[in-house]
Every structure is written in C-alpha cells, then in structure tokens.
C-alpha cells in the first residue's frame, strides 16, 4: 500500500498549482468557506483552533490542509497564517474532489492525510 500511496501522491502533487505566500499572510480564517485544499511544500505556518486541547500549532513539514472541509463541504475549522515565506500547492475544491475519483488509491490516500492532519490538532 505504501508504494501505491507514493505513486498516487506523486500524481496528485504534480497536478497542484504552486503559489507563494509572503511571511505573515493569512491564507484563510476559521469560518471562511473552504474553497481550496493546500499542500505546504516549503515554509512554516501557524494554525489556530478555537476548540480542542491544542489552541495553535506551528507546522513546518509538508502536509495537506483543508481536506476534511473540502470533502464535507464545510467552512474551515481553523485559521492559517504564514510565519515565513511559504510555497504551497493549491487545489480548487471542485478539482480536488475530481482527483479523489480519478486515481484508484486517492480516496484512502486522502483519508489517511486527513487523519495525519487531525493528529496535529489533537
């Protein structure tokens, strides 16, 4: 399964649009309509939750952000701000949902990535 996930990840990341954000920029705020899924390629972020045990967390590892909101059609459940200049791969929600159906292992892959992100906030 690891090889399948790696192959799926390469295909998915190759289809993202690379965007650069400057230090101290808000990428989205809690409650905002989740129109995009982000993959942190380079940089460091501050993510703030208003519920749960963790109130904020610095993330500086490559990860997907916004999967759960995109799948469920919800608003963002946290706020995200850059701490340094960052590079992201950005996926429009509609395109992201299409990708989930395009590759055989995409759905289990994204469900695993969603859980990985949720572990950061617990």
N, C-alpha and C. Protein backbone atom coordinates (compact mmCIF):
# COMPACT_ATOMS: atom_id res chain seq x y z
N UNK A 1 0.83 -1.20 0.00
CA UNK A 1 0.00 0.00 0.00
C UNK A 1 0.87 1.26 0.00
N UNK A 2 2.02 1.20 0.64
CA UNK A 2 2.91 2.37 0.71
C UNK A 2 3.35 2.80 -0.68
N UNK A 3 3.70 1.83 -1.54
CA UNK A 3 4.10 2.16 -2.91
C UNK A 3 2.95 2.78 -3.69
N UNK A 4 1.74 2.26 -3.47
CA UNK A 4 0.56 2.79 -4.15
C UNK A 4 0.32 4.23 -3.71
N UNK A 5 0.43 4.48 -2.39
CA UNK A 5 0.24 5.84 -1.87
C UNK A 5 1.30 6.78 -2.42
N UNK A 6 2.55 6.33 -2.50
CA UNK A 6 3.62 7.16 -3.01
C UNK A 6 3.38 7.53 -4.47
N UNK A 7 2.96 6.56 -5.26
CA UNK A 7 2.65 6.80 -6.67
C UNK A 7 1.46 7.76 -6.80
N UNK A 8 0.44 7.56 -5.99
CA UNK A 8 -0.74 8.43 -6.00
C UNK A 8 -0.35 9.85 -5.59
N UNK A 9 0.49 9.95 -4.56
CA UNK A 9 0.92 11.27 -4.09
C UNK A 9 1.67 12.02 -5.20
N UNK A 10 2.55 11.35 -5.89
CA UNK A 10 3.30 12.00 -6.99
C UNK A 10 2.34 12.53 -8.06
N UNK A 11 1.36 11.74 -8.43
CA UNK A 11 0.39 12.16 -9.45
C UNK A 11 -0.43 13.35 -8.98
N UNK A 12 -0.88 13.30 -7.74
CA UNK A 12 -1.71 14.38 -7.21
C UNK A 12 -0.91 15.66 -7.07
N UNK A 13 0.28 15.58 -6.49
CA UNK A 13 1.09 16.79 -6.30
C UNK A 13 1.49 17.41 -7.64
N UNK A 14 1.65 16.60 -8.65
CA UNK A 14 2.00 17.12 -9.98
C UNK A 14 0.86 17.94 -10.57
N UNK A 15 -0.34 17.78 -10.05
CA UNK A 15 -1.49 18.50 -10.62
C UNK A 15 -1.87 19.75 -9.83
N UNK A 16 -1.15 20.04 -8.75
CA UNK A 16 -1.45 21.24 -7.97
C UNK A 16 -0.86 22.48 -8.60
N UNK A 17 -1.41 23.63 -8.26
CA UNK A 17 -0.91 24.91 -8.73
C UNK A 17 -0.01 25.49 -7.65
N UNK A 18 1.26 25.75 -7.99
CA UNK A 18 2.18 26.28 -6.99
C UNK A 18 1.93 27.77 -6.77
N UNK A 19 1.82 28.14 -5.51
CA UNK A 19 1.63 29.54 -5.13
C UNK A 19 2.59 29.88 -4.00
N UNK A 20 3.07 31.11 -4.03
CA UNK A 20 3.96 31.60 -2.97
C UNK A 20 3.21 32.62 -2.14
N UNK A 21 3.39 32.53 -0.84
CA UNK A 21 2.81 33.49 0.09
C UNK A 21 3.94 34.09 0.91
N UNK A 22 3.83 35.37 1.18
CA UNK A 22 4.83 36.06 1.99
C UNK A 22 4.63 35.77 3.46
N UNK A 23 5.64 36.05 4.23
CA UNK A 23 5.57 35.90 5.67
C UNK A 23 4.44 36.74 6.24
N UNK A 24 3.75 36.21 7.23
CA UNK A 24 2.70 36.92 7.97
C UNK A 24 1.41 37.13 7.18
N UNK A 25 1.17 36.31 6.18
CA UNK A 25 -0.08 36.39 5.41
C UNK A 25 -1.08 35.39 5.96
N UNK A 26 -2.35 35.81 6.05
CA UNK A 26 -3.42 34.87 6.38
C UNK A 26 -3.80 34.14 5.09
N UNK A 27 -3.77 32.82 5.14
CA UNK A 27 -4.16 32.02 3.99
C UNK A 27 -5.68 31.84 4.01
N UNK A 28 -6.21 31.55 5.19
CA UNK A 28 -7.66 31.53 5.40
C UNK A 28 -7.94 31.70 6.88
N UNK A 29 -9.18 32.01 7.18
CA UNK A 29 -9.59 32.20 8.57
C UNK A 29 -10.70 31.21 8.91
N UNK A 30 -10.76 30.85 10.19
CA UNK A 30 -11.80 29.94 10.65
C UNK A 30 -13.17 30.50 10.27
N UNK A 31 -14.03 29.63 9.75
CA UNK A 31 -15.38 30.03 9.37
C UNK A 31 -15.50 30.44 7.91
N UNK A 32 -14.38 30.69 7.26
CA UNK A 32 -14.39 31.06 5.84
C UNK A 32 -14.76 29.83 5.01
N UNK A 33 -15.47 30.04 3.92
CA UNK A 33 -15.85 28.94 3.03
C UNK A 33 -14.59 28.25 2.52
N UNK A 34 -14.55 26.93 2.64
CA UNK A 34 -13.38 26.15 2.22
C UNK A 34 -13.44 25.90 0.72
N UNK A 35 -12.78 26.77 -0.02
CA UNK A 35 -12.79 26.65 -1.47
C UNK A 35 -11.53 26.01 -2.02
N UNK A 36 -10.53 25.79 -1.14
CA UNK A 36 -9.25 25.25 -1.60
C UNK A 36 -8.69 24.25 -0.59
N UNK A 37 -7.91 23.31 -1.11
CA UNK A 37 -7.09 22.42 -0.29
C UNK A 37 -5.65 22.86 -0.55
N UNK A 38 -4.86 22.93 0.51
CA UNK A 38 -3.48 23.40 0.42
C UNK A 38 -2.53 22.26 0.77
N UNK A 39 -1.40 22.23 0.08
CA UNK A 39 -0.31 21.34 0.44
C UNK A 39 0.90 22.21 0.72
N UNK A 40 1.35 22.23 1.97
CA UNK A 40 2.53 23.01 2.34
C UNK A 40 3.76 22.33 1.77
N UNK A 41 4.39 23.00 0.84
CA UNK A 41 5.58 22.45 0.17
C UNK A 41 6.85 22.90 0.89
N UNK A 42 6.91 24.19 1.23
CA UNK A 42 8.06 24.77 1.93
C UNK A 42 7.56 25.88 2.84
N UNK A 43 8.20 26.00 4.00
CA UNK A 43 7.89 27.10 4.88
C UNK A 43 7.39 26.65 6.23
N UNK A 44 6.81 27.60 6.94
CA UNK A 44 6.34 27.36 8.30
C UNK A 44 5.05 28.13 8.51
N UNK A 45 4.06 27.46 9.12
CA UNK A 45 2.73 28.04 9.33
C UNK A 45 2.37 28.04 10.80
N UNK A 46 1.48 28.95 11.13
CA UNK A 46 0.83 28.92 12.42
C UNK A 46 -0.64 28.61 12.15
N UNK A 47 -1.13 27.55 12.79
CA UNK A 47 -2.53 27.18 12.64
C UNK A 47 -3.20 27.34 13.99
N UNK A 48 -4.35 28.03 14.01
CA UNK A 48 -5.05 28.33 15.25
C UNK A 48 -6.43 27.69 15.24
N UNK A 49 -6.74 26.96 16.31
CA UNK A 49 -8.06 26.39 16.54
C UNK A 49 -8.66 27.10 17.75
N UNK A 50 -9.96 27.20 17.80
CA UNK A 50 -10.58 27.81 18.99
C UNK A 50 -11.22 26.75 19.88
N UNK A 51 -11.08 25.48 19.48
CA UNK A 51 -11.61 24.39 20.29
C UNK A 51 -10.57 23.29 20.39
N UNK A 52 -10.79 22.39 21.30
CA UNK A 52 -9.87 21.25 21.44
C UNK A 52 -8.74 21.55 22.41
N UNK A 53 -7.90 20.57 22.60
CA UNK A 53 -6.79 20.70 23.54
C UNK A 53 -5.73 21.67 23.02
N UNK A 54 -5.45 21.60 21.74
CA UNK A 54 -4.41 22.44 21.14
C UNK A 54 -5.06 23.71 20.60
N UNK A 55 -4.56 24.85 21.00
CA UNK A 55 -5.10 26.12 20.51
C UNK A 55 -4.37 26.59 19.25
N UNK A 56 -3.06 26.32 19.19
CA UNK A 56 -2.31 26.70 17.99
C UNK A 56 -1.12 25.75 17.84
N UNK A 57 -0.63 25.69 16.65
CA UNK A 57 0.48 24.78 16.35
C UNK A 57 1.27 25.36 15.19
N UNK A 58 2.59 25.23 15.27
CA UNK A 58 3.46 25.61 14.16
C UNK A 58 3.71 24.34 13.35
N UNK A 59 3.50 24.46 12.05
CA UNK A 59 3.72 23.33 11.15
C UNK A 59 4.80 23.73 10.15
N UNK A 60 5.81 22.89 10.05
CA UNK A 60 6.89 23.18 9.10
C UNK A 60 7.29 21.93 8.32
N UNK A 61 6.34 21.01 8.21
CA UNK A 61 6.55 19.79 7.43
C UNK A 61 5.54 19.76 6.28
N UNK A 62 5.89 19.15 5.18
CA UNK A 62 4.93 19.06 4.08
C UNK A 62 3.67 18.32 4.54
N UNK A 63 2.51 18.93 4.29
CA UNK A 63 1.24 18.29 4.67
C UNK A 63 0.09 18.95 3.92
N UNK A 64 -1.02 18.22 3.85
CA UNK A 64 -2.25 18.75 3.27
C UNK A 64 -3.05 19.43 4.36
N UNK A 65 -3.70 20.53 4.00
CA UNK A 65 -4.54 21.27 4.93
C UNK A 65 -5.86 21.58 4.23
N UNK A 66 -6.96 21.26 4.89
CA UNK A 66 -8.28 21.56 4.34
C UNK A 66 -8.98 20.38 3.68
N UNK A 67 -8.43 19.18 3.83
CA UNK A 67 -9.05 18.00 3.20
C UNK A 67 -10.45 17.75 3.76
N UNK A 68 -10.55 17.71 5.08
CA UNK A 68 -11.84 17.39 5.71
C UNK A 68 -12.91 18.40 5.29
N UNK A 69 -12.57 19.67 5.29
CA UNK A 69 -13.53 20.70 4.92
C UNK A 69 -13.95 20.56 3.46
N UNK A 70 -13.00 20.23 2.59
CA UNK A 70 -13.31 20.07 1.17
C UNK A 70 -14.23 18.87 0.94
N UNK A 71 -13.92 17.76 1.60
CA UNK A 71 -14.74 16.55 1.43
C UNK A 71 -16.15 16.78 1.95
N UNK A 72 -16.26 17.39 3.12
CA UNK A 72 -17.56 17.57 3.77
C UNK A 72 -18.30 18.83 3.32
N UNK A 73 -17.65 19.68 2.53
CA UNK A 73 -18.29 20.92 2.08
C UNK A 73 -18.51 21.91 3.23
N UNK A 74 -17.61 21.87 4.21
CA UNK A 74 -17.74 22.73 5.39
C UNK A 74 -16.85 23.96 5.26
N UNK A 75 -17.01 24.87 6.20
CA UNK A 75 -16.11 26.01 6.32
C UNK A 75 -14.84 25.55 7.02
N UNK A 76 -13.76 26.32 6.85
CA UNK A 76 -12.51 25.98 7.53
C UNK A 76 -12.73 25.97 9.03
N UNK A 77 -12.14 24.99 9.71
CA UNK A 77 -12.31 24.84 11.16
C UNK A 77 -11.16 25.46 11.94
N UNK A 78 -10.22 26.09 11.23
CA UNK A 78 -9.08 26.73 11.87
C UNK A 78 -8.66 27.93 11.02
N UNK A 79 -7.73 28.69 11.52
CA UNK A 79 -7.14 29.80 10.76
C UNK A 79 -5.69 29.46 10.49
N UNK A 80 -5.19 29.88 9.33
CA UNK A 80 -3.82 29.56 8.95
C UNK A 80 -3.11 30.82 8.50
N UNK A 81 -1.91 31.02 9.05
CA UNK A 81 -1.10 32.19 8.74
C UNK A 81 0.35 31.77 8.53
N UNK A 82 1.00 32.36 7.54
CA UNK A 82 2.41 32.04 7.28
C UNK A 82 3.29 32.71 8.33
N UNK A 83 4.36 32.03 8.70
CA UNK A 83 5.35 32.60 9.62
C UNK A 83 6.59 33.09 8.86
N UNK A 84 6.82 32.49 7.71
CA UNK A 84 7.92 32.85 6.81
C UNK A 84 7.36 32.76 5.39
N UNK A 85 8.15 33.13 4.39
CA UNK A 85 7.72 32.94 3.02
C UNK A 85 7.47 31.44 2.81
N UNK A 86 6.35 31.12 2.18
CA UNK A 86 5.94 29.72 2.01
C UNK A 86 5.59 29.42 0.56
N UNK A 87 5.76 28.16 0.20
CA UNK A 87 5.31 27.65 -1.09
C UNK A 87 4.25 26.59 -0.83
N UNK A 88 3.15 26.71 -1.55
CA UNK A 88 2.06 25.76 -1.45
C UNK A 88 1.73 25.20 -2.82
N UNK A 89 1.15 24.02 -2.83
CA UNK A 89 0.42 23.54 -3.98
C UNK A 89 -1.03 23.71 -3.60
N UNK A 90 -1.80 24.34 -4.48
CA UNK A 90 -3.18 24.67 -4.17
C UNK A 90 -4.10 23.92 -5.13
N UNK A 91 -5.17 23.38 -4.56
CA UNK A 91 -6.15 22.62 -5.33
C UNK A 91 -7.53 23.24 -5.10
N UNK A 92 -8.18 23.70 -6.14
CA UNK A 92 -9.55 24.18 -6.01
C UNK A 92 -10.42 23.02 -5.55
N UNK A 93 -11.38 23.28 -4.68
CA UNK A 93 -12.20 22.22 -4.08
C UNK A 93 -12.81 21.30 -5.13
N UNK A 94 -13.41 21.87 -6.14
CA UNK A 94 -14.07 21.06 -7.18
C UNK A 94 -13.05 20.15 -7.88
N UNK A 95 -11.88 20.67 -8.17
CA UNK A 95 -10.83 19.89 -8.82
C UNK A 95 -10.30 18.81 -7.86
N UNK A 96 -10.15 19.18 -6.60
CA UNK A 96 -9.70 18.23 -5.58
C UNK A 96 -10.65 17.03 -5.50
N UNK A 97 -11.95 17.29 -5.48
CA UNK A 97 -12.93 16.21 -5.41
C UNK A 97 -12.87 15.34 -6.66
N UNK A 98 -12.59 15.96 -7.80
CA UNK A 98 -12.43 15.20 -9.03
C UNK A 98 -11.20 14.28 -8.94
N UNK A 99 -10.11 14.79 -8.37
CA UNK A 99 -8.90 13.98 -8.21
C UNK A 99 -9.16 12.75 -7.34
N UNK A 100 -10.01 12.91 -6.34
CA UNK A 100 -10.32 11.78 -5.46
C UNK A 100 -10.92 10.62 -6.24
N UNK A 101 -11.62 10.93 -7.31
CA UNK A 101 -12.25 9.89 -8.11
C UNK A 101 -11.38 9.44 -9.28
N UNK A 102 -10.37 10.22 -9.62
CA UNK A 102 -9.56 9.94 -10.80
C UNK A 102 -8.56 8.80 -10.57
N UNK A 103 -7.99 8.72 -9.39
CA UNK A 103 -6.98 7.71 -9.09
C UNK A 103 -7.55 6.70 -8.11
N UNK A 104 -7.29 5.43 -8.36
CA UNK A 104 -7.87 4.35 -7.56
C UNK A 104 -7.56 4.48 -6.07
N UNK A 105 -6.34 4.85 -5.74
CA UNK A 105 -5.94 4.92 -4.31
C UNK A 105 -6.12 6.31 -3.71
N UNK A 106 -6.69 7.24 -4.46
CA UNK A 106 -6.78 8.63 -3.97
C UNK A 106 -7.65 8.76 -2.73
N UNK A 107 -8.80 8.11 -2.70
CA UNK A 107 -9.67 8.26 -1.54
C UNK A 107 -9.02 7.74 -0.26
N UNK A 108 -8.49 6.50 -0.23
CA UNK A 108 -7.82 6.08 1.01
C UNK A 108 -6.58 6.92 1.33
N UNK A 109 -5.88 7.38 0.29
CA UNK A 109 -4.71 8.24 0.50
C UNK A 109 -5.12 9.53 1.21
N UNK A 110 -6.15 10.21 0.69
CA UNK A 110 -6.58 11.48 1.29
C UNK A 110 -7.19 11.27 2.67
N UNK A 111 -7.88 10.16 2.89
CA UNK A 111 -8.41 9.90 4.23
C UNK A 111 -7.27 9.73 5.23
N UNK A 112 -6.18 9.09 4.80
CA UNK A 112 -5.00 8.96 5.66
C UNK A 112 -4.37 10.33 5.92
N UNK A 113 -4.25 11.17 4.90
CA UNK A 113 -3.68 12.51 5.06
C UNK A 113 -4.54 13.37 5.96
N UNK A 114 -5.86 13.20 5.87
CA UNK A 114 -6.78 13.94 6.76
C UNK A 114 -6.53 13.53 8.20
N UNK A 115 -6.37 12.23 8.45
CA UNK A 115 -6.09 11.75 9.81
C UNK A 115 -4.74 12.25 10.30
N UNK A 116 -3.75 12.27 9.42
CA UNK A 116 -2.42 12.80 9.78
C UNK A 116 -2.54 14.24 10.26
N UNK A 117 -3.31 15.04 9.53
CA UNK A 117 -3.50 16.44 9.91
C UNK A 117 -4.27 16.54 11.23
N UNK A 118 -5.31 15.71 11.38
CA UNK A 118 -6.10 15.75 12.62
C UNK A 118 -5.26 15.43 13.85
N UNK A 119 -4.24 14.60 13.68
CA UNK A 119 -3.35 14.29 14.81
C UNK A 119 -2.58 15.53 15.28
N UNK A 120 -2.33 16.46 14.36
CA UNK A 120 -1.64 17.69 14.73
C UNK A 120 -2.50 18.55 15.65
N UNK A 121 -3.82 18.44 15.53
CA UNK A 121 -4.71 19.31 16.29
C UNK A 121 -5.28 18.65 17.54
N UNK A 122 -4.85 17.41 17.81
CA UNK A 122 -5.42 16.74 19.00
C UNK A 122 -4.45 16.74 20.16
